[in-house]
Protein backbone atom coordinates (compact mmCIF):
# COMPACT_ATOMS: atom_id res chain seq x y z
CA MET A 1 12.14 25.31 -13.98
CA GLU A 2 12.38 21.60 -13.20
CA ARG A 3 8.59 21.29 -13.41
CA TYR A 4 8.48 23.09 -16.76
CA LEU A 5 11.03 20.69 -18.18
CA ILE A 6 9.28 17.58 -16.85
CA TYR A 7 5.81 18.62 -17.96
CA GLY A 8 7.08 20.05 -21.26
CA ALA A 9 7.99 16.65 -22.67
CA SER A 10 4.64 16.28 -24.48
CA TYR A 11 5.48 19.55 -26.31
CA CYS A 12 8.28 17.79 -28.15
CA SER A 13 6.03 15.59 -30.28
CA GLY A 14 4.98 18.41 -32.60
CA LEU A 15 8.29 20.13 -33.21
CA ALA A 16 9.36 21.09 -36.67
CA ALA A 17 13.03 20.83 -37.61
CA ALA A 18 13.64 24.54 -36.99
CA GLN A 19 12.03 24.43 -33.57
CA TYR A 20 14.08 21.37 -32.65
CA ALA A 21 17.27 23.16 -33.73
CA ALA A 22 16.31 26.15 -31.53
CA ASN A 23 15.79 23.82 -28.57
CA VAL A 24 19.21 22.18 -29.13
CA ALA A 25 20.90 25.63 -29.21
CA MET A 26 19.08 26.68 -26.07
CA ALA A 27 20.11 23.43 -24.37
CA ARG A 28 23.77 24.03 -25.16
CA ASN A 29 23.61 27.55 -23.77
CA MET A 30 21.71 26.44 -20.67
CA SER A 31 24.11 23.52 -19.99
CA ALA A 32 27.05 25.91 -20.13
CA TYR A 33 25.27 28.34 -17.81
CA LEU A 34 24.28 25.63 -15.31
CA GLY A 35 27.83 24.26 -15.33
CA SER A 36 29.28 27.67 -14.53
CA VAL A 37 26.67 28.31 -11.80
CA SER A 38 27.32 24.96 -10.13
CA THR A 39 31.09 25.50 -10.13
CA ALA A 40 31.10 29.23 -9.29
CA ALA A 41 28.34 29.33 -6.70
CA THR A 42 29.56 29.59 -3.13
CA ASP A 43 26.18 28.84 -1.61
CA PRO A 44 25.58 25.06 -1.31
CA GLU A 45 21.83 25.53 -1.96
CA ALA A 46 22.52 27.34 -5.21
CA ARG A 47 24.87 24.52 -6.28
CA ALA A 48 22.28 21.91 -5.43
CA ALA A 49 19.53 23.77 -7.29
CA ALA A 50 21.77 24.14 -10.35
CA ALA A 51 22.60 20.44 -10.22
CA ARG A 52 18.90 19.48 -10.01
CA VAL A 53 17.99 21.68 -12.95
CA ALA A 54 20.95 20.30 -14.92
CA VAL A 55 19.68 16.74 -14.30
CA ALA A 56 16.13 17.71 -15.36
CA PHE A 57 17.51 19.51 -18.40
CA SER A 58 19.64 16.55 -19.45
CA SER A 59 16.52 14.37 -19.66
CA PHE A 60 14.47 16.92 -21.61
CA PRO A 61 13.72 15.10 -24.91
CA CYS A 62 13.41 18.25 -27.01
CA ALA A 63 16.96 19.35 -26.30
CA TYR A 64 19.20 16.47 -27.18
CA PRO A 65 19.50 14.29 -30.27
CA GLY A 66 18.66 10.65 -29.62
CA LYS A 67 16.01 11.62 -27.07
CA GLN A 68 13.83 13.52 -29.56
CA LEU A 69 10.38 12.16 -30.22
CA PRO A 70 9.53 11.65 -33.92
CA VAL A 71 8.90 14.82 -35.90
CA ILE A 72 6.16 14.64 -38.46
CA GLU A 73 7.25 16.35 -41.69
CA PRO A 74 4.64 18.01 -43.85
CA PRO A 75 3.88 16.36 -47.22
CA PRO A 76 5.83 17.72 -50.18
CA PRO A 77 4.12 20.55 -52.08
CA LYS A 78 2.30 19.54 -55.24
CA PRO A 79 3.06 21.16 -58.56
CA GLY A 80 0.55 23.62 -59.86
CA ASP A 81 -0.65 24.08 -63.41
CA PRO A 82 1.79 24.79 -66.21
CA PRO A 83 2.42 28.50 -66.87
CA PHE A 84 1.35 28.30 -70.53
CA ARG A 85 -2.05 28.09 -72.24
CA LEU A 86 -3.42 24.53 -72.36
CA VAL A 87 -5.63 25.12 -75.43
CA SER A 88 -4.97 26.80 -78.77
CA PRO A 89 -6.11 30.43 -78.93
CA ASP A 90 -9.18 31.58 -80.82
CA LEU A 91 -7.93 32.27 -84.36
CA GLY A 92 -10.71 34.64 -85.29
CA LYS A 93 -11.74 34.91 -88.96
CA VAL A 94 -9.37 32.84 -91.10
CA PRO A 95 -9.42 33.23 -94.91
CA ASP A 96 -10.83 30.18 -96.73
CA ALA A 97 -7.51 29.42 -98.42
CA GLU A 98 -5.81 29.19 -95.03
CA GLN A 99 -8.49 27.16 -93.16
CA GLU A 100 -6.62 23.85 -93.50
CA SER A 101 -3.30 25.24 -92.27
CA ALA A 102 -5.03 26.98 -89.36
CA ALA A 103 -6.88 23.81 -88.31
CA ASP A 104 -3.73 21.68 -88.57
CA LEU A 105 -1.74 24.10 -86.43
CA ALA A 106 -4.52 24.47 -83.86
CA VAL A 107 -4.67 20.65 -83.51
CA ARG A 108 -0.90 20.48 -83.37
CA TYR A 109 -0.84 23.17 -80.65
CA ASP A 110 -3.46 21.24 -78.60
CA THR A 111 -1.59 17.92 -79.01
CA ASP A 112 1.82 19.39 -78.20
CA VAL A 113 0.65 21.36 -75.18
CA VAL A 114 -0.83 18.26 -73.55
CA ARG A 115 2.50 16.42 -73.89
CA SER A 116 4.45 19.48 -72.72
CA ALA A 117 2.13 19.97 -69.73
CA ALA A 118 2.78 16.38 -68.62
CA ALA A 119 6.53 16.83 -68.99
CA TRP A 120 6.33 20.20 -67.13
CA LYS A 121 4.41 18.60 -64.23
CA ASN A 122 6.90 15.72 -64.01
CA ALA A 123 9.79 18.21 -63.99
CA GLU A 124 8.10 20.37 -61.37
CA THR A 125 7.42 17.34 -59.18
CA LEU A 126 11.04 16.26 -59.47
CA ARG A 127 12.25 19.83 -58.79
CA LEU A 128 10.14 20.07 -55.62
CA SER A 129 11.41 16.70 -54.44
CA LEU A 130 15.01 17.74 -55.08
CA VAL A 131 14.52 21.07 -53.27
CA GLN A 132 13.44 19.20 -50.13
CA ARG A 133 16.77 17.37 -50.25
CA GLY A 134 18.79 20.53 -50.89
CA MET A 135 19.37 19.83 -54.59
CA THR A 136 18.16 21.27 -57.91
CA LEU A 137 17.35 20.13 -61.43
CA ASN A 138 20.29 20.01 -63.78
CA ALA A 139 20.79 23.24 -65.72
CA PRO A 140 19.77 21.95 -69.18
CA THR A 141 16.51 20.53 -67.88
CA ALA A 142 15.72 23.60 -65.79
CA SER A 143 16.31 25.93 -68.74
CA ALA A 144 14.25 23.68 -71.06
CA VAL A 145 11.35 23.85 -68.57
CA LEU A 146 11.60 27.66 -68.51
CA ARG A 147 11.61 27.82 -72.32
CA LEU A 148 8.19 26.16 -72.71
CA LYS A 149 6.18 29.25 -71.66
CA PRO A 150 7.73 31.71 -74.10
CA LEU A 151 7.57 29.14 -76.90
CA TYR A 152 3.84 28.51 -76.40
CA ASP A 153 3.17 32.23 -75.85
CA ASP A 154 4.93 33.03 -79.15
CA ALA A 155 3.09 30.18 -80.90
CA ALA A 156 -0.27 31.50 -79.62
CA THR A 157 0.56 35.02 -80.68
CA ALA A 158 1.57 33.80 -84.15
CA LEU A 159 -1.63 31.72 -84.46
CA LYS A 160 -3.78 34.72 -83.57
CA ALA A 161 -1.86 36.83 -86.12
CA HIS A 162 -2.30 34.10 -88.74
CA ASN A 163 1.46 33.85 -89.10
CA TRP A 164 1.48 30.11 -89.79
CA ASP A 165 5.22 29.74 -90.43
CA GLU A 166 6.13 31.42 -87.16
CA ALA A 167 3.54 29.35 -85.28
CA LEU A 168 4.93 26.13 -86.82
CA SER A 169 8.49 27.13 -85.93
CA ASN A 170 7.56 27.79 -82.27
CA LEU A 171 5.58 24.53 -82.04
CA GLN A 172 8.51 22.56 -83.44
CA ALA A 173 10.82 24.22 -80.90
CA ALA A 174 8.35 23.38 -78.14
CA GLU A 175 8.25 19.74 -79.26
CA ALA A 176 12.07 19.53 -79.22
CA THR A 177 12.19 21.20 -75.81
CA THR A 178 9.59 18.78 -74.48
CA GLN A 179 11.68 15.85 -75.69
CA LYS A 180 14.69 17.22 -73.80
CA ILE A 181 12.63 17.46 -70.62
CA GLU A 182 11.21 13.96 -71.09
CA ALA A 183 14.70 12.55 -71.52
CA THR A 184 15.41 13.61 -67.92
CA VAL A 185 12.05 13.31 -66.12
CA GLY A 186 10.18 10.72 -68.24
CA HIS A 187 6.81 10.95 -69.92
């Protein structure tokens, strides 16, 4: 066992936090075991062997804080794409009298969704950073981020159905929601 501990020191350089914690727990159990063997053993050779292993174990860098070699943490995850459509939907055949309204709303959708996507990515980046530190986004910002998808889904559905008032209402709500997110996470 002494040889395994001595030659196992290079193993410590690649430990993740969970593996390091497992080594610390094993070291505590092994120290207690070696202590009881060295005090309870009646054979002098067994006591000497337990003492040698205890010395080797006490210098094992994976087992004790302060002796651990640096642990390389993986880079934080990157946010993916927003969960809503990034372009206005195909409106199909629009009556001539409604062409201007349809074009205005399609442009508004495209403009709003770009701004919302940037706010969503900033919020997601912040959320992932906070999760690594054991924290979360505040509740109003988290709920605002979650509201973007249904607002844009409803706006797209309304645009396809040529329900311009409903589409405008959903886009205005998405704009207000985006402003709430930007107030917390920036542009």
